[in-house]
Amino acid sequence: MSFTLHGLAVSGGIAIGQAHLISHATLEVSHLVISPRLVDKEVARFDAAVQRVREEFAQLKGRAQFSSAEFGAFIDLHMMILSDPELAEAPKHLIRERRCNAEWALVQQMEVLVHQFEQFDDAYLRERSYDVRQVVERVIKELVGQPGRMALRPGPGKGIREENLIVVAHDLSPADVIAYKEHHFAAFVTDVGGSTSHTAILARSLRIPAVLGLHNARQLIRDNEVLIVDGTRGVLIVNPDPRVLDEYRLRKSQIELERTKLRRLKTARSVTLDGIDIDLHANIELPGDVANALDGGAEGIGLFRTEFLFLDRGDMPTEDEQFEAYGTVVRGMGGRPVTIRTFDLGYDKDLHPGKVLGDRIQSNPALGLRAIRLSLAEPKMFQTQLRAILRASRYGKIKLLIPMLSQAHEIDQTLAAIERAKASLRAERVPFDEQTPVGAMIEIPAAALAIGMFLRRVNFLSIGTNDLIQYTLAIDRSDEQVAPLYDPLHPAVLMLLAHTIASAEKVAIPVSICGELAGDANLTRLLLGMGLRQFSMHPAQILSVKQRIMQSNCAVLAPIVRRLLRHEEPAKIREQLEKLNSLS
């Protein structure tokens, strides 16, 4: 029987192959009451299982060094979760207090932690609940005598090549994906996970299609059934009929042909038909992403999200650790500009799983003490990061970007903090670039509307369209109930973008877009017509945007876009956008 499932499109492309089901150990364990004289023995059994998993992670970490930075970072995260007292110690207290078996105590504590993670406002932190479950599952396997990662079946059936197999699982842990890195599967399909989950990030790094959040795919699909994975549209088709199969085979070959053609543009200048140079930069999360950025043809790093350095560990990185990370990126880019954003963390983004930072609970962390607000509230932590960034400027062109500014006094306090960091480095005779540019993220409507106070104080602007759209429309796009209302082409959003770009252009202040809009080739001409001259996006999107730039004439686009912006109906705007993209 043929049927279609819809999930989250997290890694583009099309894969056609046969289902390869992966089984996980169940976390539904029995509750046993043990004799008082066996309590110490049960605690020792728990400790031994944790230690064996810890050793396994250490071995996987060694293998990850030969894979990619993403793999190693997620193994580090799982090691950190395993070492957290909330998992490593609390279950032992339960065993002693309730005289229960280790498996049941561990699962009870896991549910407490998962509930805490699920309360976070930030999507990245909510998805870390999956990591907690995966770590616990590995310990449970040790306790019940089924150690090791998920076992692959002996191999594909006769006549089935491994690259034609599509992995179907409830979830995939980093260790599982490291194992699969040695294989060549066509795609990943999972019941859980989101766009910032490790499976999504790793699928993008491997450049294979992936659809996550399908809920019941693992239960509905059988081994060796024919699947079509559309990683661009978030669609999974099971047992497609011949007509659909032929259609997707044609689309797949067209995509592969287009990718081959795009690769030829890697070294080409990003210049419009009327001779305007456009800067195409990459967004990265970790130092290991530099290789992908260069391979994608990036002319620089437009956004280095430094909070990933904080989230992949349980404590605050030291100044030297941060300096090494920033320096690695700058040296790796070989003189190309690197824009480093100070960390965009908040009390909803806990540095220590299972605890609320500072014991401050907020009803709406997205509107609370986060990003620059938190940095200014924690001056010692802020100084550590500023000094590390400035020290790394000795190796190349660093631009310092500040997130979530909305008030003039916030800008002034930030600039004063930067001067204090510079003064301390001068006093210690530590070399750094005295002329390091300082920029502001425009991601709050108030900042876009009062853009003048930014233009008088900073050296450049970067528009974070993801947050700008959410705050403008009061819509959390990670909330399935209102996500369809998240509209980048809403007239209010376009007005804020156009106003910001035009205002910066008048005073010759460089402005870029680093949100998802920058990587959407269907919006490239719209942004060019607004006057945007610098884009920053995921490395995999650079060449398709470059192709659209090389086919565009800014002089022709500008008056058309001005007329488009007069429309107030999104449907009319989309209609005009289609005409804009059809121009030859």
Protein backbone atom coordinates (compact mmCIF):
# COMPACT_ATOMS: atom_id res chain seq x y z
CA MET A 1 0.00 0.00 0.00
CA SER A 2 1.31 3.43 -0.93
CA PHE A 3 1.08 6.32 1.55
CA THR A 4 2.77 9.65 2.29
CA LEU A 5 4.13 11.06 5.56
CA HIS A 6 4.99 14.71 6.19
CA GLY A 7 7.78 15.83 8.50
CA LEU A 8 10.48 18.47 8.85
CA ALA A 9 12.70 19.19 5.86
CA VAL A 10 16.13 19.49 7.49
CA SER A 11 18.56 18.47 4.72
CA GLY A 12 17.69 18.99 1.07
CA GLY A 13 17.78 16.65 -1.89
CA ILE A 14 15.95 13.54 -3.04
CA ALA A 15 16.78 9.93 -2.18
CA ILE A 16 15.14 6.80 -3.59
CA GLY A 17 15.87 3.47 -1.97
CA GLN A 18 14.77 0.68 0.31
CA ALA A 19 13.94 0.97 4.00
CA HIS A 20 16.64 -0.14 6.44
CA LEU A 21 14.95 -0.26 9.86
CA ILE A 22 16.98 0.33 12.99
CA SER A 23 15.84 -0.99 16.36
CA HIS A 24 16.52 0.64 19.73
CA ALA A 25 16.42 -0.84 23.20
CA THR A 26 13.21 0.05 24.98
CA LEU A 27 13.26 2.50 27.90
CA GLU A 28 10.19 0.84 29.43
CA VAL A 29 11.88 -1.04 32.27
CA SER A 30 10.44 -3.05 35.14
CA HIS A 31 10.20 -1.67 38.68
CA LEU A 32 11.74 -4.15 41.08
CA VAL A 33 12.09 -3.92 44.86
CA ILE A 34 15.43 -5.32 46.02
CA SER A 35 16.59 -6.68 49.35
CA PRO A 36 18.39 -4.21 51.67
CA ARG A 37 21.51 -6.38 51.60
CA LEU A 38 21.65 -6.08 47.77
CA VAL A 39 21.41 -2.27 47.63
CA ASP A 40 25.17 -1.66 47.59
CA LYS A 41 25.59 -4.33 44.92
CA GLU A 42 22.91 -2.62 42.79
CA VAL A 43 24.65 0.74 43.14
CA ALA A 44 27.94 -0.88 42.08
CA ARG A 45 26.18 -2.42 39.08
CA PHE A 46 24.93 1.02 38.07
CA ASP A 47 28.40 2.59 38.48
CA ALA A 48 29.96 -0.16 36.38
CA ALA A 49 27.46 0.38 33.55
CA VAL A 50 28.07 4.15 33.56
CA GLN A 51 31.83 3.59 33.47
CA ARG A 52 31.58 1.17 30.53
CA VAL A 53 29.51 3.70 28.57
CA ARG A 54 31.98 6.43 29.46
CA GLU A 55 34.82 4.28 28.06
CA GLU A 56 32.80 3.59 24.93
CA PHE A 57 32.26 7.33 24.41
CA ALA A 58 36.02 7.90 24.77
CA GLN A 59 36.66 5.34 22.02
CA LEU A 60 33.99 6.95 19.82
CA LYS A 61 35.57 10.36 20.45
CA GLY A 62 38.83 9.03 19.00
CA ARG A 63 37.01 7.81 15.92
CA ALA A 64 35.14 11.10 15.61
CA GLN A 65 38.42 12.99 15.19
CA PHE A 66 38.70 11.37 11.79
CA SER A 67 35.12 12.25 10.84
CA SER A 68 34.20 15.89 11.47
CA ALA A 69 33.95 18.52 14.18
CA GLU A 70 30.19 18.01 14.39
CA PHE A 71 30.56 14.35 15.34
CA GLY A 72 33.14 15.10 18.02
CA ALA A 73 31.06 17.96 19.43
CA PHE A 74 27.99 15.79 19.90
CA ILE A 75 30.00 12.97 21.48
CA ASP A 76 31.40 15.60 23.88
CA LEU A 77 27.83 16.64 24.65
CA HIS A 78 26.83 13.05 25.45
CA MET A 79 29.91 12.57 27.64
CA MET A 80 29.01 15.75 29.49
CA ILE A 81 25.41 14.60 30.02
CA LEU A 82 26.65 11.23 31.29
CA SER A 83 28.95 12.97 33.79
CA ASP A 84 26.24 15.26 35.10
CA PRO A 85 25.40 14.44 38.75
CA GLU A 86 21.71 14.50 37.80
CA LEU A 87 22.33 11.27 35.85
CA ALA A 88 25.52 9.88 37.36
CA GLU A 89 24.65 10.34 41.06
CA ALA A 90 20.92 10.99 41.54
CA PRO A 91 19.84 7.46 40.43
CA LYS A 92 22.07 6.00 43.16
CA HIS A 93 20.18 7.98 45.78
CA LEU A 94 16.92 6.59 44.39
CA ILE A 95 18.30 3.05 44.54
CA ARG A 96 19.17 3.49 48.22
CA GLU A 97 16.05 5.41 49.24
CA ARG A 98 13.49 3.27 47.41
CA ARG A 99 15.45 0.00 47.20
CA CYS A 100 14.72 -0.16 43.49
CA ASN A 101 16.62 -1.64 40.57
CA ALA A 102 19.14 0.56 38.72
CA GLU A 103 17.24 0.53 35.42
CA TRP A 104 14.06 1.90 36.98
CA ALA A 105 15.94 4.54 39.02
CA LEU A 106 17.78 5.77 35.93
CA VAL A 107 14.62 6.05 33.82
CA GLN A 108 12.82 7.94 36.61
CA GLN A 109 15.63 10.47 36.79
CA MET A 110 15.71 10.72 32.99
CA GLU A 111 12.03 11.70 32.94
CA VAL A 112 12.77 14.53 35.39
CA LEU A 113 15.56 15.88 33.18
CA VAL A 114 13.60 15.49 29.94
CA HIS A 115 10.70 17.43 31.45
CA GLN A 116 13.07 20.27 32.37
CA PHE A 117 14.53 20.40 28.87
CA GLU A 118 11.08 20.40 27.29
CA GLN A 119 10.19 23.55 29.24
CA PHE A 120 12.95 25.57 27.54
CA ASP A 121 11.79 28.21 25.11
CA ASP A 122 14.73 27.70 22.80
CA ALA A 123 14.33 24.94 20.16
CA TYR A 124 17.98 23.88 20.40
CA LEU A 125 17.71 23.28 24.14
CA ARG A 126 14.35 21.50 23.83
CA GLU A 127 15.88 19.06 21.36
CA ARG A 128 18.64 18.21 23.81
CA SER A 129 16.03 16.11 25.61
CA TYR A 130 16.62 13.56 22.83
CA ASP A 131 20.31 13.48 23.78
CA VAL A 132 19.42 12.75 27.40
CA ARG A 133 17.25 9.83 26.30
CA GLN A 134 20.01 8.49 24.04
CA VAL A 135 22.60 8.58 26.81
CA VAL A 136 20.23 6.82 29.20
CA GLU A 137 19.42 4.22 26.57
CA ARG A 138 23.08 3.31 26.22
CA VAL A 139 23.41 2.83 29.99
CA ILE A 140 20.22 0.73 30.03
CA LYS A 141 21.69 -1.48 27.33
CA GLU A 142 24.73 -2.07 29.51
CA LEU A 143 22.57 -2.85 32.52
CA VAL A 144 20.45 -5.40 30.66
CA GLY A 145 23.41 -6.98 28.91
CA GLN A 146 22.99 -5.51 25.42
CA PRO A 147 25.98 -3.14 25.19
CA GLY A 148 27.24 -1.23 22.22
CA ARG A 149 25.65 0.91 19.59
CA MET A 150 22.70 -0.14 17.49
CA ALA A 151 23.71 -3.14 15.47
CA LEU A 152 23.44 -2.98 11.74
CA ARG A 153 22.02 -6.04 10.11
CA PRO A 154 24.64 -8.30 8.50
CA GLY A 155 24.28 -6.34 5.31
CA PRO A 156 21.88 -5.39 2.55
CA GLY A 157 20.10 -8.17 0.74
CA LYS A 158 21.43 -9.69 -2.41
CA GLY A 159 21.52 -7.14 -5.21
CA ILE A 160 20.89 -4.18 -2.85
CA ARG A 161 23.72 -1.68 -2.67
CA GLU A 162 24.28 0.11 0.62
CA GLU A 163 23.99 3.55 -0.99
CA ASN A 164 20.42 2.62 -1.96
CA LEU A 165 19.38 2.01 1.66
CA ILE A 166 17.44 4.62 3.64
CA VAL A 167 17.90 4.46 7.41
CA VAL A 168 14.56 4.54 9.27
CA ALA A 169 14.73 4.94 13.05
CA HIS A 170 12.86 6.41 15.94
CA ASP A 171 15.96 8.52 16.60
CA LEU A 172 19.68 8.44 15.86
CA SER A 173 22.36 9.24 18.40
CA PRO A 174 25.71 10.83 17.45
CA ALA A 175 27.38 7.47 18.08
CA ASP A 176 24.98 5.81 15.66
CA VAL A 177 25.74 8.37 12.99
CA ILE A 178 29.49 7.97 13.50
CA ALA A 179 29.00 4.26 12.85
CA TYR A 180 27.03 5.08 9.71
CA LYS A 181 29.72 7.50 8.55
CA GLU A 182 31.70 4.40 7.62
CA HIS A 183 28.80 3.34 5.41
CA HIS A 184 27.12 5.17 2.52
CA PHE A 185 23.41 5.38 3.15
CA ALA A 186 21.12 7.38 0.90
CA ALA A 187 19.11 9.26 3.56
CA PHE A 188 17.98 9.45 7.19
CA VAL A 189 14.35 9.27 8.33
CA THR A 190 13.40 9.56 12.02
CA ASP A 191 10.29 9.90 14.15
CA VAL A 192 11.72 12.66 16.33
CA GLY A 193 14.15 15.55 16.00
CA GLY A 194 14.09 19.05 14.59
CA SER A 195 16.14 21.42 12.46
CA THR A 196 18.73 21.95 15.21
CA SER A 197 18.96 18.31 16.31
CA HIS A 198 22.27 16.51 15.86
CA THR A 199 20.75 14.25 13.16
CA ALA A 200 19.77 17.32 11.12
CA ILE A 201 23.15 19.02 11.55
CA LEU A 202 25.06 15.86 10.71
CA ALA A 203 22.86 15.08 7.68
CA ARG A 204 23.58 18.54 6.32
CA SER A 205 27.30 18.07 6.92
CA LEU A 206 27.15 14.74 5.05
CA ARG A 207 24.98 16.44 2.39
CA ILE A 208 22.40 13.69 2.29
CA PRO A 209 18.60 14.14 2.42
CA ALA A 210 16.86 13.85 5.78
CA VAL A 211 13.28 14.19 6.98
CA LEU A 212 12.71 14.24 10.75
CA GLY A 213 9.75 14.56 13.08
CA LEU A 214 7.62 11.97 11.25
CA HIS A 215 6.20 10.66 14.56
CA ASN A 216 5.26 7.07 13.55
CA ALA A 217 7.38 6.26 10.51
CA ARG A 218 9.38 3.58 12.35
CA GLN A 219 6.19 1.69 13.22
CA LEU A 220 4.47 2.08 9.85
CA ILE A 221 7.36 1.15 7.55
CA ARG A 222 8.63 -2.37 6.92
CA ASP A 223 12.10 -3.50 5.97
CA ASN A 224 12.99 -3.25 2.26
CA GLU A 225 9.90 -1.23 1.33
CA VAL A 226 10.63 1.29 -1.42
CA LEU A 227 10.90 4.86 -0.09
CA ILE A 228 11.21 8.31 -1.60
CA VAL A 229 12.73 10.92 0.73
CA ASP A 230 12.19 14.53 -0.36
CA GLY A 231 14.48 16.42 2.01
CA THR A 232 13.53 19.75 0.46
CA ARG A 233 9.78 19.47 1.00
CA GLY A 234 9.83 17.27 4.10
CA VAL A 235 7.95 14.43 2.41
CA LEU A 236 8.37 10.66 2.75
CA ILE A 237 6.54 8.46 0.23
CA VAL A 238 6.22 4.76 1.07
CA ASN A 239 5.74 2.24 -1.76
CA PRO A 240 5.19 4.90 -4.45
CA ASP A 241 3.27 3.93 -7.56
CA PRO A 242 5.27 3.73 -10.84
CA ARG A 243 4.16 7.16 -12.05
CA VAL A 244 5.32 8.92 -8.86
CA LEU A 245 8.53 6.90 -8.83
CA ASP A 246 9.35 7.95 -12.41
CA GLU A 247 8.59 11.58 -11.58
CA TYR A 248 10.95 11.59 -8.60
CA ARG A 249 13.69 9.78 -10.51
CA LEU A 250 13.53 12.56 -13.08
CA ARG A 251 13.61 15.24 -10.38
CA LYS A 252 16.52 13.51 -8.66
CA SER A 253 18.57 13.39 -11.87
CA GLN A 254 17.75 17.05 -12.54
CA ILE A 255 18.92 18.03 -9.02
CA GLU A 256 22.15 16.06 -9.43
CA LEU A 257 22.77 17.66 -12.84
CA GLU A 258 22.08 21.11 -11.39
CA ARG A 259 24.49 20.47 -8.51
CA THR A 260 27.19 19.46 -10.97
CA LYS A 261 26.65 22.68 -12.91
CA LEU A 262 26.68 24.77 -9.75
CA ARG A 263 30.07 23.37 -8.70
CA ARG A 264 31.53 25.10 -11.76
CA LEU A 265 30.57 28.44 -10.21
CA LYS A 266 32.67 27.90 -7.09
CA THR A 267 35.57 30.06 -8.28
CA ALA A 268 33.46 32.48 -10.34
CA ARG A 269 33.03 36.09 -9.20
CA SER A 270 29.74 36.83 -7.50
CA VAL A 271 28.80 39.76 -9.68
CA THR A 272 25.52 40.92 -11.22
CA LEU A 273 24.93 41.51 -14.92
CA ASP A 274 25.38 45.24 -14.38
CA GLY A 275 28.76 44.74 -12.68
CA ILE A 276 27.89 44.99 -8.97
CA ASP A 277 29.97 42.75 -6.71
CA ILE A 278 27.99 40.84 -4.08
CA ASP A 279 29.65 39.31 -1.01
CA LEU A 280 28.58 35.74 -0.20
CA HIS A 281 29.54 34.59 3.29
CA ALA A 282 28.82 31.48 5.34
CA ASN A 283 27.13 30.90 8.70
CA ILE A 284 28.97 28.46 10.98
CA GLU A 285 28.51 27.00 14.47
CA LEU A 286 31.86 25.31 15.17
CA PRO A 287 35.50 25.73 14.08
CA GLY A 288 35.24 22.48 12.10
CA ASP A 289 32.66 24.13 9.81
CA VAL A 290 35.37 26.22 8.13
CA ALA A 291 36.17 23.42 5.65
CA ASN A 292 32.54 23.26 4.51
CA ALA A 293 32.42 27.05 4.18
CA LEU A 294 35.47 27.12 1.92
CA ASP A 295 34.26 24.10 -0.06
CA GLY A 296 30.96 25.91 -0.62
CA GLY A 297 32.73 28.94 -2.06
CA ALA A 298 32.31 31.32 0.88
CA GLU A 299 34.20 34.60 0.65
CA GLY A 300 34.14 34.96 4.41
CA ILE A 301 32.26 34.03 7.57
CA GLY A 302 29.23 36.24 7.99
CA LEU A 303 28.09 34.69 11.27
CA PHE A 304 30.01 32.54 13.73
CA ARG A 305 27.46 31.48 16.37
CA THR A 306 29.75 31.22 19.38
CA GLU A 307 27.06 29.89 21.73
CA PHE A 308 27.65 26.39 20.31
CA LEU A 309 31.01 26.46 22.07
CA PHE A 310 29.09 26.94 25.31
CA LEU A 311 26.26 24.49 24.71
CA ASP A 312 28.50 21.52 23.95
CA ARG A 313 29.92 21.43 27.47
CA GLY A 314 28.85 21.76 31.08
CA ASP A 315 30.96 24.74 32.13
CA MET A 316 32.14 28.05 30.74
CA PRO A 317 35.08 27.86 28.32
CA THR A 318 38.13 29.70 29.56
CA GLU A 319 39.55 32.69 27.74
CA ASP A 320 42.35 30.57 26.29
CA GLU A 321 39.91 27.90 25.09
CA GLN A 322 37.78 30.52 23.36
CA PHE A 323 40.87 32.21 21.92
CA GLU A 324 41.99 28.91 20.38
CA ALA A 325 38.55 28.29 18.86
CA TYR A 326 38.27 31.79 17.36
CA GLY A 327 41.88 31.73 16.20
CA THR A 328 41.34 28.39 14.46
CA VAL A 329 38.46 29.86 12.44
CA VAL A 330 40.33 33.05 11.53
CA ARG A 331 43.49 31.20 10.48
CA GLY A 332 41.44 28.66 8.57
CA MET A 333 39.77 31.39 6.52
CA GLY A 334 43.15 32.57 5.28
CA GLY A 335 42.67 36.33 5.46
CA ARG A 336 38.98 36.34 4.56
CA PRO A 337 36.74 38.31 6.95
CA VAL A 338 35.24 36.48 9.95
CA THR A 339 32.24 37.95 11.77
CA ILE A 340 32.06 36.60 15.34
CA ARG A 341 28.81 37.09 17.22
CA THR A 342 29.05 37.27 21.00
CA PHE A 343 27.08 34.46 22.52
CA ASP A 344 23.32 34.52 22.09
CA LEU A 345 22.51 32.62 25.29
CA GLY A 346 19.91 33.28 27.93
CA TYR A 347 18.61 31.77 31.10
CA ASP A 348 16.60 29.47 28.86
CA LYS A 349 19.88 28.17 27.42
CA ASP A 350 21.41 26.51 30.41
CA LEU A 351 25.14 25.86 30.49
CA HIS A 352 24.54 22.95 32.86
CA PRO A 353 21.79 20.44 31.94
CA GLY A 354 19.03 19.94 34.44
CA LYS A 355 19.50 23.23 36.27
CA VAL A 356 18.24 26.73 35.60
CA LEU A 357 21.17 29.12 35.41
CA GLY A 358 21.14 31.40 38.38
CA ASP A 359 17.88 29.80 39.61
CA ARG A 360 15.97 32.40 37.66
CA ILE A 361 12.85 31.03 35.99
CA GLN A 362 11.21 33.15 33.33
CA SER A 363 7.74 32.71 31.89
CA ASN A 364 8.98 33.78 28.44
CA PRO A 365 12.76 33.49 28.06
CA ALA A 366 12.64 34.72 24.45
CA LEU A 367 11.68 38.14 25.84
CA GLY A 368 13.83 37.95 28.94
CA LEU A 369 17.46 38.19 30.00
CA ARG A 370 19.31 36.78 27.00
CA ALA A 371 21.98 37.67 24.41
CA ILE A 372 23.53 41.11 25.04
CA ARG A 373 21.23 41.65 28.02
CA LEU A 374 22.75 38.64 29.73
CA SER A 375 26.28 39.65 28.67
CA LEU A 376 25.90 43.07 30.24
CA ALA A 377 24.43 41.50 33.38
CA GLU A 378 27.44 39.16 33.63
CA PRO A 379 30.40 41.52 32.94
CA LYS A 380 33.11 39.04 33.95
CA MET A 381 31.80 36.43 31.52
CA PHE A 382 31.46 39.09 28.82
CA GLN A 383 35.00 40.37 29.35
CA THR A 384 36.35 36.84 28.99
CA GLN A 385 34.72 36.45 25.59
CA LEU A 386 35.61 39.95 24.36
CA ARG A 387 39.27 39.49 25.28
CA ALA A 388 39.39 36.11 23.53
CA ILE A 389 37.85 37.54 20.35
CA LEU A 390 40.17 40.56 20.33
CA ARG A 391 43.22 38.35 20.90
CA ALA A 392 42.23 36.24 17.88
CA SER A 393 42.08 39.40 15.72
CA ARG A 394 45.88 39.26 15.45
CA TYR A 395 45.43 36.36 12.99
CA GLY A 396 43.11 38.03 10.48
CA LYS A 397 40.06 40.19 9.75
CA ILE A 398 37.64 39.83 12.66
CA LYS A 399 34.37 41.74 12.89
CA LEU A 400 32.67 41.76 16.29
CA LEU A 401 28.88 41.37 16.15
CA ILE A 402 26.54 42.05 19.09
CA PRO A 403 23.12 40.29 19.21
CA MET A 404 19.70 41.58 20.28
CA LEU A 405 20.52 45.23 20.81
CA SER A 406 17.46 47.46 21.11
CA GLN A 407 18.43 50.44 23.29
CA ALA A 408 20.97 53.24 22.85
CA HIS A 409 22.30 52.66 26.37
CA GLU A 410 22.89 48.97 25.54
CA ILE A 411 25.06 50.00 22.59
CA ASP A 412 26.98 52.50 24.72
CA GLN A 413 27.52 49.99 27.53
CA THR A 414 28.70 47.38 25.01
CA LEU A 415 31.18 49.77 23.40
CA ALA A 416 32.47 50.71 26.86
CA ALA A 417 32.92 47.00 27.70
CA ILE A 418 34.89 46.52 24.49
CA GLU A 419 37.12 49.45 25.40
CA ARG A 420 37.75 47.94 28.83
CA ALA A 421 38.75 44.66 27.20
CA LYS A 422 41.11 46.51 24.86
CA ALA A 423 42.62 48.48 27.75
CA SER A 424 43.31 45.30 29.72
CA LEU A 425 45.02 43.71 26.71
CA ARG A 426 47.12 46.83 26.14
CA ALA A 427 48.18 46.79 29.79
CA GLU A 428 49.33 43.18 29.37
CA ARG A 429 50.95 44.01 26.00
CA VAL A 430 48.84 41.39 24.25
CA PRO A 431 48.62 42.10 20.50
CA PHE A 432 45.22 42.64 18.85
CA ASP A 433 43.66 44.67 16.05
CA GLU A 434 42.86 48.11 17.47
CA GLN A 435 40.51 48.79 14.54
CA THR A 436 38.30 45.71 14.98
CA PRO A 437 34.89 46.75 13.57
CA VAL A 438 31.89 46.47 15.88
CA GLY A 439 28.45 45.71 14.46
CA ALA A 440 24.89 45.28 15.66
CA MET A 441 22.36 42.55 14.95
CA ILE A 442 19.04 43.99 13.80
CA GLU A 443 16.58 41.34 14.97
CA ILE A 444 14.10 43.31 17.05
CA PRO A 445 11.49 45.54 15.34
CA ALA A 446 12.39 48.41 17.69
CA ALA A 447 15.97 48.30 16.42
CA ALA A 448 14.88 48.41 12.78
CA LEU A 449 12.46 51.29 13.39
CA ALA A 450 15.01 53.31 15.40
CA ILE A 451 17.90 52.46 13.10
CA GLY A 452 19.44 55.92 13.36
CA MET A 453 20.83 55.35 16.84
CA PHE A 454 22.65 52.26 15.54
CA LEU A 455 24.05 53.95 12.45
CA ARG A 456 25.61 56.68 14.63
CA ARG A 457 27.37 54.21 16.90
CA VAL A 458 28.44 51.03 15.04
CA ASN A 459 30.54 50.13 12.00
CA PHE A 460 28.19 47.64 10.32
CA LEU A 461 24.78 45.95 10.62
CA SER A 462 23.66 42.36 10.25
CA ILE A 463 19.95 41.59 9.97
CA GLY A 464 18.88 38.43 11.76
CA THR A 465 15.71 37.67 9.85
CA ASN A 466 14.78 34.55 11.84
CA ASP A 467 14.17 36.46 15.07
CA LEU A 468 13.05 39.64 13.32
CA ILE A 469 10.16 37.78 11.69
CA GLN A 470 9.19 35.99 14.91
CA TYR A 471 9.18 39.19 16.94
CA THR A 472 7.39 41.19 14.25
CA LEU A 473 4.61 38.65 13.75
CA ALA A 474 4.54 37.34 17.36
CA ILE A 475 4.87 33.79 16.01
CA ASP A 476 7.05 30.95 17.28
CA ARG A 477 7.79 28.98 14.12
CA SER A 478 8.76 25.95 16.23
CA ASP A 479 5.16 25.82 17.49
CA GLU A 480 3.31 23.55 15.07
CA GLN A 481 -0.01 25.27 15.79
CA VAL A 482 1.09 28.70 14.53
CA ALA A 483 4.09 27.84 12.31
CA PRO A 484 2.00 28.23 9.08
CA LEU A 485 1.53 31.91 9.99
CA TYR A 486 5.31 32.47 9.92
CA ASP A 487 5.54 34.50 6.69
CA PRO A 488 8.83 36.09 5.52
CA LEU A 489 6.85 37.97 2.86
CA HIS A 490 4.49 39.68 5.29
CA PRO A 491 4.35 43.39 4.30
CA ALA A 492 5.54 44.46 7.77
CA VAL A 493 8.62 42.24 7.54
CA LEU A 494 9.51 43.53 4.07
CA MET A 495 9.03 47.12 5.24
CA LEU A 496 11.47 46.63 8.11
CA LEU A 497 14.04 44.99 5.83
CA ALA A 498 13.79 47.67 3.16
CA HIS A 499 13.92 50.47 5.73
CA THR A 500 17.03 49.04 7.41
CA ILE A 501 18.90 48.41 4.16
CA ALA A 502 18.04 51.83 2.68
CA SER A 503 18.94 53.70 5.89
CA ALA A 504 22.34 52.02 6.09
CA GLU A 505 23.01 52.67 2.40
CA LYS A 506 22.41 56.41 2.84
CA VAL A 507 25.26 56.72 5.34
CA ALA A 508 27.50 54.09 3.69
CA ILE A 509 27.25 51.62 6.60
CA PRO A 510 27.64 48.01 5.38
CA VAL A 511 24.62 45.80 6.02
CA SER A 512 24.15 42.06 5.55
CA ILE A 513 21.44 39.47 6.15
CA CYS A 514 22.45 36.34 8.03
CA GLY A 515 19.06 34.72 8.60
CA GLU A 516 17.47 32.00 6.48
CA LEU A 517 16.15 34.53 3.94
CA ALA A 518 19.71 35.06 2.73
CA GLY A 519 20.01 31.44 1.59
CA ASP A 520 16.68 31.28 -0.27
CA ALA A 521 17.46 31.74 -3.96
CA ASN A 522 13.80 32.60 -4.61
CA LEU A 523 14.29 35.75 -2.52
CA THR A 524 17.71 36.74 -3.87
CA ARG A 525 16.39 39.16 -6.50
CA LEU A 526 13.99 40.73 -4.01
CA LEU A 527 16.87 41.44 -1.62
CA LEU A 528 19.13 42.69 -4.42
CA GLY A 529 16.37 45.08 -5.49
CA MET A 530 16.18 46.39 -1.90
CA GLY A 531 19.90 47.20 -2.11
CA LEU A 532 21.41 44.30 -0.17
CA ARG A 533 25.01 43.64 -1.18
CA GLN A 534 26.13 41.05 1.40
CA PHE A 535 24.48 37.70 2.13
CA SER A 536 25.44 35.11 4.76
CA MET A 537 23.98 31.59 4.71
CA HIS A 538 24.57 27.88 5.18
CA PRO A 539 27.53 26.87 2.96
CA ALA A 540 25.37 24.44 0.95
CA GLN A 541 23.20 27.36 -0.27
CA ILE A 542 25.95 29.65 -1.54
CA LEU A 543 26.27 28.40 -5.11
CA SER A 544 22.54 28.45 -5.87
CA VAL A 545 22.34 32.04 -4.60
CA LYS A 546 25.46 32.95 -6.59
CA GLN A 547 23.86 31.57 -9.74
CA ARG A 548 20.78 33.76 -9.24
CA ILE A 549 22.99 36.81 -8.59
CA MET A 550 24.93 36.26 -11.82
CA GLN A 551 21.62 36.20 -13.72
CA SER A 552 20.33 39.45 -12.19
CA ASN A 553 20.55 43.14 -13.06
CA CYS A 554 20.25 45.39 -10.01
CA ALA A 555 19.40 48.45 -12.08
CA VAL A 556 16.40 46.62 -13.52
CA LEU A 557 15.37 45.04 -10.20
CA ALA A 558 15.36 48.19 -8.02
CA PRO A 559 12.29 49.97 -9.52
CA ILE A 560 10.36 46.68 -9.76
CA VAL A 561 11.00 45.92 -6.10
CA ARG A 562 9.95 49.43 -5.06
CA ARG A 563 6.58 48.81 -6.75
CA LEU A 564 6.32 45.35 -5.18
CA LEU A 565 6.80 46.81 -1.70
CA ARG A 566 3.73 49.02 -2.13
CA HIS A 567 1.44 45.97 -2.03
CA GLU A 568 -0.18 45.11 1.28
CA GLU A 569 -1.54 41.65 0.44
CA PRO A 570 0.95 38.74 0.81
CA ALA A 571 -0.74 36.91 -2.08
CA LYS A 572 -0.14 39.88 -4.38
CA ILE A 573 3.46 40.14 -3.17
CA ARG A 574 4.05 36.45 -4.00
CA GLU A 575 2.54 36.95 -7.42
CA GLN A 576 4.89 39.86 -8.11
CA LEU A 577 7.84 37.88 -6.73
CA GLU A 578 7.16 35.09 -9.24
CA LYS A 579 7.25 37.65 -12.04
CA LEU A 580 10.48 39.08 -10.64
CA ASN A 581 12.10 35.64 -10.68
CA SER A 582 10.90 34.93 -14.20
CA LEU A 583 12.85 37.86 -15.64
CA SER A 584 15.47 36.66 -18.10
